[in-house]
Protein backbone atom coordinates (compact mmCIF):
# COMPACT_ATOMS: atom_id res chain seq x y z
CA MET A 1 -0.08 -0.01 -0.01
CA ARG A 2 1.34 3.56 -0.90
CA THR A 3 0.64 5.35 2.49
CA ALA A 4 2.08 8.15 4.33
CA THR A 5 1.74 9.93 7.56
CA ILE A 6 3.06 13.36 8.09
CA ARG A 7 3.05 15.53 11.27
CA ARG A 8 3.71 19.20 10.98
CA ASP A 9 4.10 21.16 14.31
CA THR A 10 5.08 24.75 14.28
CA THR A 11 4.28 27.63 16.85
CA GLU A 12 1.40 28.46 14.43
CA THR A 13 -0.11 25.02 13.67
CA GLN A 14 -0.24 21.30 14.88
CA ILE A 15 -1.24 19.12 11.87
CA LEU A 16 -1.47 15.22 11.33
CA VAL A 17 -2.05 14.07 7.96
CA GLU A 18 -2.66 10.17 7.01
CA LEU A 19 -3.04 9.38 3.30
CA ASN A 20 -3.44 6.25 1.24
CA LEU A 21 -3.21 6.47 -2.49
CA ASP A 22 -4.71 3.17 -3.11
CA GLY A 23 -7.81 3.89 -0.96
CA ALA A 24 -11.55 4.34 -1.51
CA GLY A 25 -12.07 8.00 -0.96
CA VAL A 26 -12.64 7.63 2.74
CA TYR A 27 -12.13 10.81 4.68
CA GLU A 28 -11.85 12.19 8.22
CA VAL A 29 -11.16 16.04 8.20
CA SER A 30 -11.00 18.59 10.84
CA THR A 31 -9.15 21.92 10.34
CA GLY A 32 -11.48 24.18 12.23
CA ILE A 33 -12.41 25.76 8.97
CA GLY A 34 -15.75 24.53 7.84
CA PHE A 35 -15.55 25.33 4.09
CA LEU A 36 -11.83 23.95 3.95
CA ASP A 37 -13.13 20.84 5.50
CA HIS A 38 -15.83 20.50 2.84
CA MET A 39 -13.29 20.89 -0.07
CA LEU A 40 -10.75 18.45 1.31
CA GLU A 41 -13.58 15.98 1.67
CA GLN A 42 -14.36 16.51 -1.99
CA LEU A 43 -10.60 16.09 -2.87
CA SER A 44 -10.47 12.70 -1.07
CA ARG A 45 -13.94 11.42 -2.32
CA HIS A 46 -13.32 12.10 -5.97
CA SER A 47 -9.54 11.12 -6.14
CA LEU A 48 -10.24 7.82 -4.09
CA ILE A 49 -7.34 8.88 -1.85
CA ASP A 50 -8.22 8.02 1.68
CA LEU A 51 -7.38 11.04 3.68
CA LYS A 52 -7.26 11.96 7.42
CA VAL A 53 -6.35 15.56 8.42
CA ASP A 54 -6.53 16.67 11.98
CA ALA A 55 -5.36 20.43 12.20
CA LYS A 56 -5.33 22.86 15.00
CA GLY A 57 -4.13 26.32 14.23
CA ASP A 58 -4.03 29.96 15.22
CA LEU A 59 -7.54 30.68 13.91
CA HIS A 60 -7.85 33.52 16.52
CA ILE A 61 -5.46 35.49 14.31
CA ASP A 62 -6.72 34.40 10.80
CA GLN A 63 -6.96 31.34 8.63
CA HIS A 64 -3.68 31.81 6.61
CA HIS A 65 -1.45 29.65 8.73
CA THR A 66 -3.93 26.65 8.88
CA THR A 67 -4.72 26.83 5.34
CA GLU A 68 -1.10 27.04 4.21
CA ASP A 69 0.26 24.24 6.49
CA THR A 70 -2.58 21.96 5.74
CA ALA A 71 -1.70 22.25 2.11
CA ILE A 72 1.90 21.63 2.75
CA ALA A 73 1.18 18.64 4.88
CA ILE A 74 -1.11 17.01 2.53
CA GLY A 75 1.47 17.64 -0.32
CA GLU A 76 4.35 16.21 1.57
CA ALA A 77 2.12 13.14 2.25
CA LEU A 78 1.33 12.71 -1.28
CA SER A 79 4.98 13.06 -2.28
CA LYS A 80 6.01 10.60 0.46
CA ALA A 81 3.35 8.10 -0.55
CA LEU A 82 4.49 8.12 -4.18
CA GLY A 83 7.94 7.26 -3.22
CA ASP A 84 10.32 6.77 -6.20
CA ARG A 85 7.19 7.32 -8.55
CA LYS A 86 7.92 4.06 -10.31
CA GLY A 87 4.94 2.95 -12.53
CA ILE A 88 2.76 5.87 -12.06
CA THR A 89 0.67 7.38 -14.89
CA ARG A 90 2.31 10.65 -14.01
CA TYR A 91 -0.09 13.08 -15.98
CA GLY A 92 -3.65 13.70 -15.22
CA HIS A 93 -6.26 16.18 -16.44
CA ALA A 94 -9.98 16.62 -15.76
CA TYR A 95 -12.93 18.92 -16.38
CA ALA A 96 -15.64 19.27 -13.66
CA PRO A 97 -18.95 20.85 -14.42
CA MET A 98 -21.07 22.12 -11.56
CA ASP A 99 -24.23 23.65 -12.83
CA GLU A 100 -23.12 26.96 -14.76
CA THR A 101 -19.46 26.49 -13.86
CA LEU A 102 -16.94 24.49 -15.66
CA SER A 103 -13.23 24.15 -14.43
CA ARG A 104 -10.18 22.27 -15.90
CA VAL A 105 -7.21 21.06 -14.21
CA ALA A 106 -4.20 19.52 -15.66
CA LEU A 107 -1.08 18.38 -13.56
CA ASP A 108 2.21 16.56 -13.89
CA ILE A 109 3.78 14.67 -10.91
CA SER A 110 7.04 16.06 -12.29
CA GLY A 111 9.17 16.86 -9.26
CA ARG A 112 9.12 20.42 -10.56
CA PRO A 113 6.50 22.44 -8.61
CA PHE A 114 4.80 25.05 -10.62
CA THR A 115 1.05 26.64 -10.43
CA VAL A 116 -0.76 28.40 -12.99
CA TRP A 117 -4.08 29.87 -11.58
CA ARG A 118 -6.90 31.32 -13.67
CA ALA A 119 -9.88 31.62 -11.46
CA GLU A 120 -11.56 34.72 -9.74
CA PHE A 121 -14.23 35.10 -7.14
CA SER A 122 -16.63 37.97 -6.79
CA GLN A 123 -16.95 37.39 -2.97
CA LYS A 124 -14.34 37.90 -0.31
CA ARG A 125 -15.62 34.97 1.83
CA LEU A 126 -17.41 31.68 1.42
CA GLY A 127 -18.94 30.54 4.65
CA ASP A 128 -16.13 31.22 7.12
CA PHE A 129 -13.30 30.96 4.49
CA ASP A 130 -11.31 33.80 2.79
CA THR A 131 -11.57 33.32 -0.96
CA GLU A 132 -8.15 34.79 -1.48
CA LEU A 133 -6.70 31.77 0.24
CA PHE A 134 -7.78 29.29 -2.29
CA GLU A 135 -5.08 30.10 -4.78
CA HIS A 136 -2.65 30.08 -1.89
CA TRP A 137 -3.81 26.62 -0.79
CA PHE A 138 -3.15 25.07 -4.29
CA GLN A 139 0.24 26.74 -4.61
CA SER A 140 1.42 25.43 -1.30
CA PHE A 141 0.14 21.99 -2.17
CA ALA A 142 1.73 21.79 -5.54
CA GLN A 143 4.97 23.08 -4.03
CA ALA A 144 5.15 20.65 -1.28
CA ALA A 145 3.99 17.67 -3.67
CA GLY A 146 6.35 18.34 -6.43
CA ILE A 147 3.64 18.83 -8.97
CA THR A 148 3.08 21.04 -12.06
CA LEU A 149 -0.45 22.29 -11.61
CA HIS A 150 -2.65 24.20 -14.06
CA VAL A 151 -6.08 25.26 -12.78
CA GLU A 152 -8.62 27.35 -14.72
CA THR A 153 -12.22 28.19 -14.53
CA LEU A 154 -13.61 28.30 -18.10
CA HIS A 155 -16.75 29.88 -17.03
CA GLY A 156 -18.84 30.30 -13.92
CA ARG A 157 -20.76 32.68 -11.58
CA ASN A 158 -21.46 31.05 -8.43
CA ASN A 159 -18.43 31.30 -6.00
CA HIS A 160 -19.30 28.14 -4.31
CA HIS A 161 -19.60 26.11 -7.62
CA ILE A 162 -16.37 27.66 -8.84
CA ILE A 163 -14.05 26.49 -6.06
CA GLU A 164 -15.99 23.21 -5.59
CA SER A 165 -15.46 22.32 -9.31
CA ILE A 166 -11.86 23.10 -9.11
CA PHE A 167 -11.25 20.84 -6.12
CA LYS A 168 -13.27 18.10 -7.82
CA ALA A 169 -11.37 18.48 -11.11
CA THR A 170 -8.00 18.44 -9.08
CA ALA A 171 -9.29 15.20 -7.50
CA ARG A 172 -10.07 13.52 -10.74
CA ALA A 173 -6.84 14.63 -12.27
CA LEU A 174 -4.98 13.25 -9.25
CA ARG A 175 -6.67 9.96 -9.52
CA THR A 176 -5.45 9.37 -12.84
CA ALA A 177 -1.91 10.52 -12.35
CA VAL A 178 -1.20 8.44 -9.20
CA GLU A 179 -2.68 5.30 -10.84
CA ILE A 180 -0.11 2.47 -11.69
CA ASP A 181 0.27 1.97 -15.33
CA THR A 182 0.48 -1.81 -15.53
CA ARG A 183 2.41 -1.63 -18.90
CA LYS A 184 5.24 0.07 -17.20
CA ALA A 185 4.89 -0.66 -13.45
CA ASP A 186 8.60 -1.26 -13.21
CA SER A 187 9.88 1.97 -14.29
CA VAL A 188 9.69 5.73 -13.73
CA PRO A 189 7.87 7.58 -16.51
CA SER A 190 10.62 9.69 -17.67
CA THR A 191 13.39 9.44 -20.11
CA LYS A 192 15.88 10.60 -17.37
CA GLY A 193 14.89 7.53 -15.18
CA THR A 194 13.90 9.82 -12.44
CA LEU A 195 11.31 12.44 -11.75
CA GLY A 196 12.52 15.83 -10.57
CA GLY A 197 14.70 18.46 -12.38
CA ALA A 198 14.23 19.06 -16.20
CA ASP A 199 13.28 16.02 -18.32
């Protein structure tokens, strides 16, 4: 089983993440931020990655540290669970429609973190969550996981629909990218023989 446990303890947050790439989308998420919990549940359910997140942060200040450190811990857990990346499909992309909204995500488990973000929100908050932190969550996640990540909302008006479709598209793209390619299960999907750095 490709699993990982990450503990991230700082003066600002204490976070435990447990992750299983070969799961069934079972989740147990508690960050203290209701809307973020809802999105991480979507990420787990639609990627079929089992995910446990227990995060305690300095929410009396704001949501920034908890959001950022949760993304880092999940990204680190994903990278650790992938190991040497041998046999993975590596690339994934998905479209996720949600009523009037359509989002597209493409990603490469390349070892070269990079994020392109093309999504906008007309509200400052969704539930108790600051919408400006969504982009930061994805940037932090991609950096820690070593993923090249392109996120784009093609059209949409409802802010809830926009971000939920992004998380669902990310989940579906991850589901494809982390799967083992049975035709090449014994090799790393790169002409260099390793993932990380230019190839």
